[in-house]
Amino acid sequence: MPDTVQKALTKALQQLRTQRSAIDRRITALETIVTAGRSASRPGRRAAKTRKKRKMSASQRQAVSRRMKAYWAKRRAK
């Protein structure tokens, strides 16, 4: 290979390595921002608590039934 071609290729390779280093630094910086953004956007956030299903006993259901029957009877009477 002629000397000028060798020098040109070496110079091009050096420029590409420099660009690669700059790109790697930028990627690392962006990854840091994204990672920090995830934790900073919702600090101390916990998963939502699920509601417990309340169960009524038979006597409670009967009491509710009596109250609602009385309520609707009054509404119909008016």
PDB file of N, CA and C in Angstrom:
ATOM      1  N   MET A   1       0.832  -1.168   0.000  1.00  0.00           N
ATOM      2  CA  MET A   1       0.000   0.000   0.000  1.00  0.00           C
ATOM      3  C   MET A   1       0.882   1.239   0.000  1.00  0.00           C
ATOM      4  N   PRO A   2       0.519   2.201  -0.816  1.00  0.00           N
ATOM      5  CA  PRO A   2       1.314   3.427  -0.799  1.00  0.00           C
ATOM      6  C   PRO A   2       1.220   4.107   0.556  1.00  0.00           C
ATOM      7  N   ASP A   3       2.237   4.859   0.856  1.00  0.00           N
ATOM      8  CA  ASP A   3       2.344   5.524   2.160  1.00  0.00           C
ATOM      9  C   ASP A   3       1.213   6.518   2.397  1.00  0.00           C
ATOM     10  N   THR A   4       0.777   7.226   1.366  1.00  0.00           N
ATOM     11  CA  THR A   4      -0.285   8.225   1.528  1.00  0.00           C
ATOM     12  C   THR A   4      -1.620   7.558   1.845  1.00  0.00           C
ATOM     13  N   VAL A   5      -1.889   6.424   1.237  1.00  0.00           N
ATOM     14  CA  VAL A   5      -3.136   5.697   1.511  1.00  0.00           C
ATOM     15  C   VAL A   5      -3.113   5.199   2.951  1.00  0.00           C
ATOM     16  N   GLN A   6      -1.965   4.670   3.359  1.00  0.00           N
ATOM     17  CA  GLN A   6      -1.817   4.168   4.735  1.00  0.00           C
ATOM     18  C   GLN A   6      -2.059   5.289   5.736  1.00  0.00           C
ATOM     19  N   LYS A   7      -1.505   6.466   5.484  1.00  0.00           N
ATOM     20  CA  LYS A   7      -1.677   7.599   6.380  1.00  0.00           C
ATOM     21  C   LYS A   7      -3.147   8.048   6.411  1.00  0.00           C
ATOM     22  N   ALA A   8      -3.786   8.051   5.252  1.00  0.00           N
ATOM     23  CA  ALA A   8      -5.189   8.470   5.166  1.00  0.00           C
ATOM     24  C   ALA A   8      -6.081   7.508   5.939  1.00  0.00           C
ATOM     25  N   LEU A   9      -5.822   6.212   5.791  1.00  0.00           N
ATOM     26  CA  LEU A   9      -6.617   5.220   6.514  1.00  0.00           C
ATOM     27  C   LEU A   9      -6.389   5.316   8.023  1.00  0.00           C
ATOM     28  N   THR A  10      -5.155   5.533   8.421  1.00  0.00           N
ATOM     29  CA  THR A  10      -4.840   5.668   9.843  1.00  0.00           C
ATOM     30  C   THR A  10      -5.542   6.891  10.425  1.00  0.00           C
ATOM     31  N   LYS A  11      -5.503   7.991   9.681  1.00  0.00           N
ATOM     32  CA  LYS A  11      -6.158   9.221  10.134  1.00  0.00           C
ATOM     33  C   LYS A  11      -7.674   9.024  10.245  1.00  0.00           C
ATOM     34  N   ALA A  12      -8.276   8.358   9.234  1.00  0.00           N
ATOM     35  CA  ALA A  12      -9.719   8.105   9.248  1.00  0.00           C
ATOM     36  C   ALA A  12     -10.085   7.201  10.425  1.00  0.00           C
ATOM     37  N   LEU A  13      -9.262   6.192  10.672  1.00  0.00           N
ATOM     38  CA  LEU A  13      -9.506   5.283  11.786  1.00  0.00           C
ATOM     39  C   LEU A  13      -9.422   6.018  13.117  1.00  0.00           C
ATOM     40  N   GLN A  14      -8.472   6.901  13.261  1.00  0.00           N
ATOM     41  CA  GLN A  14      -8.334   7.695  14.485  1.00  0.00           C
ATOM     42  C   GLN A  14      -9.547   8.590  14.694  1.00  0.00           C
ATOM     43  N   GLN A  15     -10.039   9.209  13.622  1.00  0.00           N
ATOM     44  CA  GLN A  15     -11.230  10.060  13.731  1.00  0.00           C
ATOM     45  C   GLN A  15     -12.456   9.245  14.147  1.00  0.00           C
ATOM     46  N   LEU A  16     -12.594   8.061  13.572  1.00  0.00           N
ATOM     47  CA  LEU A  16     -13.715   7.198  13.933  1.00  0.00           C
ATOM     48  C   LEU A  16     -13.651   6.766  15.403  1.00  0.00           C
ATOM     49  N   ARG A  17     -12.460   6.465  15.872  1.00  0.00           N
ATOM     50  CA  ARG A  17     -12.302   6.094  17.290  1.00  0.00           C
ATOM     51  C   ARG A  17     -12.670   7.260  18.201  1.00  0.00           C
ATOM     52  N   THR A  18     -12.281   8.461  17.807  1.00  0.00           N
ATOM     53  CA  THR A  18     -12.621   9.654  18.584  1.00  0.00           C
ATOM     54  C   THR A  18     -14.137   9.840  18.618  1.00  0.00           C
ATOM     55  N   GLN A  19     -14.770   9.693  17.481  1.00  0.00           N
ATOM     56  CA  GLN A  19     -16.228   9.825  17.416  1.00  0.00           C
ATOM     57  C   GLN A  19     -16.919   8.752  18.257  1.00  0.00           C
ATOM     58  N   ARG A  20     -16.382   7.530  18.202  1.00  0.00           N
ATOM     59  CA  ARG A  20     -16.959   6.436  18.986  1.00  0.00           C
ATOM     60  C   ARG A  20     -16.860   6.735  20.470  1.00  0.00           C
ATOM     61  N   SER A  21     -15.748   7.276  20.913  1.00  0.00           N
ATOM     62  CA  SER A  21     -15.577   7.630  22.320  1.00  0.00           C
ATOM     63  C   SER A  21     -16.593   8.692  22.734  1.00  0.00           C
ATOM     64  N   ALA A  22     -16.777   9.690  21.877  1.00  0.00           N
ATOM     65  CA  ALA A  22     -17.742  10.749  22.176  1.00  0.00           C
ATOM     66  C   ALA A  22     -19.158  10.184  22.238  1.00  0.00           C
ATOM     67  N   ILE A  23     -19.480   9.305  21.328  1.00  0.00           N
ATOM     68  CA  ILE A  23     -20.818   8.696  21.315  1.00  0.00           C
ATOM     69  C   ILE A  23     -21.021   7.842  22.562  1.00  0.00           C
ATOM     70  N   ASP A  24     -20.008   7.080  22.951  1.00  0.00           N
ATOM     71  CA  ASP A  24     -20.111   6.253  24.160  1.00  0.00           C
ATOM     72  C   ASP A  24     -20.350   7.116  25.396  1.00  0.00           C
ATOM     73  N   ARG A  25     -19.670   8.254  25.486  1.00  0.00           N
ATOM     74  CA  ARG A  25     -19.873   9.156  26.628  1.00  0.00           C
ATOM     75  C   ARG A  25     -21.297   9.697  26.639  1.00  0.00           C
ATOM     76  N   ARG A  26     -21.802  10.055  25.475  1.00  0.00           N
ATOM     77  CA  ARG A  26     -23.171  10.579  25.392  1.00  0.00           C
ATOM     78  C   ARG A  26     -24.202   9.517  25.762  1.00  0.00           C
ATOM     79  N   ILE A  27     -23.979   8.300  25.295  1.00  0.00           N
ATOM     80  CA  ILE A  27     -24.894   7.199  25.627  1.00  0.00           C
ATOM     81  C   ILE A  27     -24.908   6.976  27.131  1.00  0.00           C
ATOM     82  N   THR A  28     -23.738   6.967  27.743  1.00  0.00           N
ATOM     83  CA  THR A  28     -23.652   6.768  29.188  1.00  0.00           C
ATOM     84  C   THR A  28     -24.375   7.886  29.936  1.00  0.00           C
ATOM     85  N   ALA A  29     -24.191   9.111  29.478  1.00  0.00           N
ATOM     86  CA  ALA A  29     -24.860  10.245  30.122  1.00  0.00           C
ATOM     87  C   ALA A  29     -26.371  10.126  29.994  1.00  0.00           C
ATOM     88  N   LEU A  30     -26.863   9.770  28.822  1.00  0.00           N
ATOM     89  CA  LEU A  30     -28.300   9.613  28.621  1.00  0.00           C
ATOM     90  C   LEU A  30     -28.873   8.480  29.455  1.00  0.00           C
ATOM     91  N   GLU A  31     -28.147   7.381  29.537  1.00  0.00           N
ATOM     92  CA  GLU A  31     -28.612   6.259  30.362  1.00  0.00           C
ATOM     93  C   GLU A  31     -28.707   6.666  31.822  1.00  0.00           C
ATOM     94  N   THR A  32     -27.744   7.457  32.277  1.00  0.00           N
ATOM     95  CA  THR A  32     -27.766   7.938  33.659  1.00  0.00           C
ATOM     96  C   THR A  32     -28.981   8.825  33.899  1.00  0.00           C
ATOM     97  N   ILE A  33     -29.265   9.710  32.948  1.00  0.00           N
ATOM     98  CA  ILE A  33     -30.421  10.606  33.081  1.00  0.00           C
ATOM     99  C   ILE A  33     -31.719   9.806  33.108  1.00  0.00           C
ATOM    100  N   VAL A  34     -31.833   8.838  32.212  1.00  0.00           N
ATOM    101  CA  VAL A  34     -33.055   8.037  32.146  1.00  0.00           C
ATOM    102  C   VAL A  34     -33.237   7.237  33.423  1.00  0.00           C
ATOM    103  N   THR A  35     -32.176   6.631  33.914  1.00  0.00           N
ATOM    104  CA  THR A  35     -32.255   5.835  35.137  1.00  0.00           C
ATOM    105  C   THR A  35     -32.596   6.714  36.328  1.00  0.00           C
ATOM    106  N   ALA A  36     -31.979   7.868  36.425  1.00  0.00           N
ATOM    107  CA  ALA A  36     -32.255   8.780  37.533  1.00  0.00           C
ATOM    108  C   ALA A  36     -33.666   9.333  37.416  1.00  0.00           C
ATOM    109  N   GLY A  37     -34.135   9.567  36.204  1.00  0.00           N
ATOM    110  CA  GLY A  37     -35.476  10.094  35.985  1.00  0.00           C
ATOM    111  C   GLY A  37     -36.557   9.136  36.442  1.00  0.00           C
ATOM    112  N   ARG A  38     -36.320   7.860  36.290  1.00  0.00           N
ATOM    113  CA  ARG A  38     -37.312   6.876  36.723  1.00  0.00           C
ATOM    114  C   ARG A  38     -37.496   6.904  38.222  1.00  0.00           C
ATOM    115  N   SER A  39     -36.397   6.935  38.954  1.00  0.00           N
ATOM    116  CA  SER A  39     -36.504   6.901  40.404  1.00  0.00           C
ATOM    117  C   SER A  39     -36.896   8.260  40.964  1.00  0.00           C
ATOM    118  N   ALA A  40     -36.527   9.352  40.293  1.00  0.00           N
ATOM    119  CA  ALA A  40     -36.835  10.685  40.809  1.00  0.00           C
ATOM    120  C   ALA A  40     -38.267  11.096  40.504  1.00  0.00           C
ATOM    121  N   SER A  41     -38.851  10.545  39.451  1.00  0.00           N
ATOM    122  CA  SER A  41     -40.191  10.968  39.082  1.00  0.00           C
ATOM    123  C   SER A  41     -41.237  10.491  40.076  1.00  0.00           C
ATOM    124  N   ARG A  42     -40.984   9.383  40.737  1.00  0.00           N
ATOM    125  CA  ARG A  42     -41.942   8.851  41.706  1.00  0.00           C
ATOM    126  C   ARG A  42     -41.224   8.372  42.960  1.00  0.00           C
ATOM    127  N   PRO A  43     -40.666   9.285  43.717  1.00  0.00           N
ATOM    128  CA  PRO A  43     -39.934   8.854  44.900  1.00  0.00           C
ATOM    129  C   PRO A  43     -40.869   8.297  45.965  1.00  0.00           C
ATOM    130  N   GLY A  44     -40.490   7.188  46.532  1.00  0.00           N
ATOM    131  CA  GLY A  44     -41.242   6.604  47.631  1.00  0.00           C
ATOM    132  C   GLY A  44     -42.622   6.111  47.252  1.00  0.00           C
ATOM    133  N   ARG A  45     -42.875   5.949  45.982  1.00  0.00           N
ATOM    134  CA  ARG A  45     -44.199   5.503  45.554  1.00  0.00           C
ATOM    135  C   ARG A  45     -44.329   4.013  45.781  1.00  0.00           C
ATOM    136  N   ARG A  46     -45.426   3.640  46.353  1.00  0.00           N
ATOM    137  CA  ARG A  46     -45.673   2.227  46.627  1.00  0.00           C
ATOM    138  C   ARG A  46     -46.792   1.726  45.741  1.00  0.00           C
ATOM    139  N   ALA A  47     -46.872   0.431  45.641  1.00  0.00           N
ATOM    140  CA  ALA A  47     -47.947  -0.170  44.860  1.00  0.00           C
ATOM    141  C   ALA A  47     -49.282   0.120  45.539  1.00  0.00           C
ATOM    142  N   ALA A  48     -50.296   0.306  44.740  1.00  0.00           N
ATOM    143  CA  ALA A  48     -51.622   0.614  45.275  1.00  0.00           C
ATOM    144  C   ALA A  48     -52.134  -0.571  46.086  1.00  0.00           C
ATOM    145  N   LYS A  49     -52.742  -0.257  47.211  1.00  0.00           N
ATOM    146  CA  LYS A  49     -53.294  -1.320  48.042  1.00  0.00           C
ATOM    147  C   LYS A  49     -54.606  -1.790  47.439  1.00  0.00           C
ATOM    148  N   THR A  50     -54.805  -3.081  47.479  1.00  0.00           N
ATOM    149  CA  THR A  50     -56.061  -3.618  46.981  1.00  0.00           C
ATOM    150  C   THR A  50     -57.096  -3.566  48.099  1.00  0.00           C
ATOM    151  N   ARG A  51     -58.309  -3.296  47.707  1.00  0.00           N
ATOM    152  CA  ARG A  51     -59.384  -3.231  48.697  1.00  0.00           C
ATOM    153  C   ARG A  51     -59.777  -4.632  49.108  1.00  0.00           C
ATOM    154  N   LYS A  52     -60.012  -4.777  50.378  1.00  0.00           N
ATOM    155  CA  LYS A  52     -60.486  -6.063  50.862  1.00  0.00           C
ATOM    156  C   LYS A  52     -61.994  -6.110  50.683  1.00  0.00           C
ATOM    157  N   LYS A  53     -62.487  -7.237  50.269  1.00  0.00           N
ATOM    158  CA  LYS A  53     -63.922  -7.390  50.087  1.00  0.00           C
ATOM    159  C   LYS A  53     -64.555  -7.610  51.453  1.00  0.00           C
ATOM    160  N   ARG A  54     -65.504  -6.758  51.752  1.00  0.00           N
ATOM    161  CA  ARG A  54     -66.189  -6.874  53.037  1.00  0.00           C
ATOM    162  C   ARG A  54     -67.308  -7.892  52.906  1.00  0.00           C
ATOM    163  N   LYS A  55     -67.385  -8.728  53.894  1.00  0.00           N
ATOM    164  CA  LYS A  55     -68.428  -9.746  53.888  1.00  0.00           C
ATOM    165  C   LYS A  55     -69.457  -9.403  54.951  1.00  0.00           C
ATOM    166  N   MET A  56     -70.728  -9.573  54.589  1.00  0.00           N
ATOM    167  CA  MET A  56     -71.811  -9.322  55.535  1.00  0.00           C
ATOM    168  C   MET A  56     -72.334 -10.649  56.053  1.00  0.00           C
ATOM    169  N   SER A  57     -72.634 -10.632  57.295  1.00  0.00           N
ATOM    170  CA  SER A  57     -73.244 -11.828  57.868  1.00  0.00           C
ATOM    171  C   SER A  57     -74.703 -11.881  57.437  1.00  0.00           C
ATOM    172  N   ALA A  58     -75.337 -12.998  57.684  1.00  0.00           N
ATOM    173  CA  ALA A  58     -76.744 -13.167  57.314  1.00  0.00           C
ATOM    174  C   ALA A  58     -77.610 -12.158  58.058  1.00  0.00           C
ATOM    175  N   SER A  59     -77.320 -11.920  59.311  1.00  0.00           N
ATOM    176  CA  SER A  59     -78.134 -10.972  60.089  1.00  0.00           C
ATOM    177  C   SER A  59     -77.949  -9.548  59.576  1.00  0.00           C
ATOM    178  N   GLN A  60     -76.750  -9.197  59.147  1.00  0.00           N
ATOM    179  CA  GLN A  60     -76.527  -7.870  58.588  1.00  0.00           C
ATOM    180  C   GLN A  60     -77.296  -7.704  57.274  1.00  0.00           C
ATOM    181  N   ARG A  61     -77.271  -8.728  56.442  1.00  0.00           N
ATOM    182  CA  ARG A  61     -78.020  -8.665  55.184  1.00  0.00           C
ATOM    183  C   ARG A  61     -79.511  -8.511  55.452  1.00  0.00           C
ATOM    184  N   GLN A  62     -80.020  -9.214  56.447  1.00  0.00           N
ATOM    185  CA  GLN A  62     -81.438  -9.101  56.802  1.00  0.00           C
ATOM    186  C   GLN A  62     -81.773  -7.691  57.271  1.00  0.00           C
ATOM    187  N   ALA A  63     -80.903  -7.100  58.065  1.00  0.00           N
ATOM    188  CA  ALA A  63     -81.135  -5.747  58.567  1.00  0.00           C
ATOM    189  C   ALA A  63     -81.149  -4.746  57.413  1.00  0.00           C
ATOM    190  N   VAL A  64     -80.229  -4.893  56.481  1.00  0.00           N
ATOM    191  CA  VAL A  64     -80.187  -4.014  55.312  1.00  0.00           C
ATOM    192  C   VAL A  64     -81.457  -4.203  54.497  1.00  0.00           C
ATOM    193  N   SER A  65     -81.877  -5.437  54.328  1.00  0.00           N
ATOM    194  CA  SER A  65     -83.090  -5.733  53.577  1.00  0.00           C
ATOM    195  C   SER A  65     -84.300  -5.054  54.205  1.00  0.00           C
ATOM    196  N   ARG A  66     -84.424  -5.153  55.518  1.00  0.00           N
ATOM    197  CA  ARG A  66     -85.561  -4.520  56.210  1.00  0.00           C
ATOM    198  C   ARG A  66     -85.526  -3.004  56.027  1.00  0.00           C
ATOM    199  N   ARG A  67     -84.347  -2.408  56.163  1.00  0.00           N
ATOM    200  CA  ARG A  67     -84.222  -0.951  56.003  1.00  0.00           C
ATOM    201  C   ARG A  67     -84.592  -0.521  54.588  1.00  0.00           C
ATOM    202  N   MET A  68     -84.139  -1.249  53.587  1.00  0.00           N
ATOM    203  CA  MET A  68     -84.422  -0.872  52.205  1.00  0.00           C
ATOM    204  C   MET A  68     -85.900  -1.069  51.873  1.00  0.00           C
ATOM    205  N   LYS A  69     -86.514  -2.116  52.410  1.00  0.00           N
ATOM    206  CA  LYS A  69     -87.944  -2.317  52.183  1.00  0.00           C
ATOM    207  C   LYS A  69     -88.733  -1.165  52.777  1.00  0.00           C
ATOM    208  N   ALA A  70     -88.352  -0.733  53.975  1.00  0.00           N
ATOM    209  CA  ALA A  70     -89.022   0.391  54.613  1.00  0.00           C
ATOM    210  C   ALA A  70     -88.795   1.670  53.813  1.00  0.00           C
ATOM    211  N   TYR A  71     -87.580   1.866  53.324  1.00  0.00           N
ATOM    212  CA  TYR A  71     -87.247   3.055  52.531  1.00  0.00           C
ATOM    213  C   TYR A  71     -88.121   3.116  51.281  1.00  0.00           C
ATOM    214  N   TRP A  72     -88.175   2.011  50.548  1.00  0.00           N
ATOM    215  CA  TRP A  72     -88.948   2.008  49.312  1.00  0.00           C
ATOM    216  C   TRP A  72     -90.448   2.087  49.575  1.00  0.00           C
ATOM    217  N   ALA A  73     -90.901   1.532  50.666  1.00  0.00           N
ATOM    218  CA  ALA A  73     -92.319   1.640  51.015  1.00  0.00           C
ATOM    219  C   ALA A  73     -92.680   3.104  51.255  1.00  0.00           C
ATOM    220  N   LYS A  74     -91.820   3.857  51.950  1.00  0.00           N
ATOM    221  CA  LYS A  74     -92.066   5.283  52.181  1.00  0.00           C
ATOM    222  C   LYS A  74     -92.050   6.045  50.862  1.00  0.00           C
ATOM    223  N   ARG A  75     -91.136   5.696  49.983  1.00  0.00           N
ATOM    224  CA  ARG A  75     -91.039   6.399  48.694  1.00  0.00           C
ATOM    225  C   ARG A  75     -92.281   6.163  47.840  1.00  0.00           C
ATOM    226  N   ARG A  76     -92.793   4.944  47.868  1.00  0.00           N
ATOM    227  CA  ARG A  76     -93.984   4.633  47.091  1.00  0.00           C
ATOM    228  C   ARG A  76     -95.217   5.320  47.680  1.00  0.00           C
ATOM    229  N   ALA A  77     -95.236   5.454  48.994  1.00  0.00           N
ATOM    230  CA  ALA A  77     -96.385   6.052  49.671  1.00  0.00           C
ATOM    231  C   ALA A  77     -96.544   7.540  49.328  1.00  0.00           C
ATOM    232  N   LYS A  78     -95.451   8.208  49.030  1.00  0.00           N
ATOM    233  CA  LYS A  78     -95.513   9.654  48.738  1.00  0.00           C
ATOM    234  C   LYS A  78     -96.063   9.933  47.406  1.00  0.00           C
TER     235      LYS A  78
END
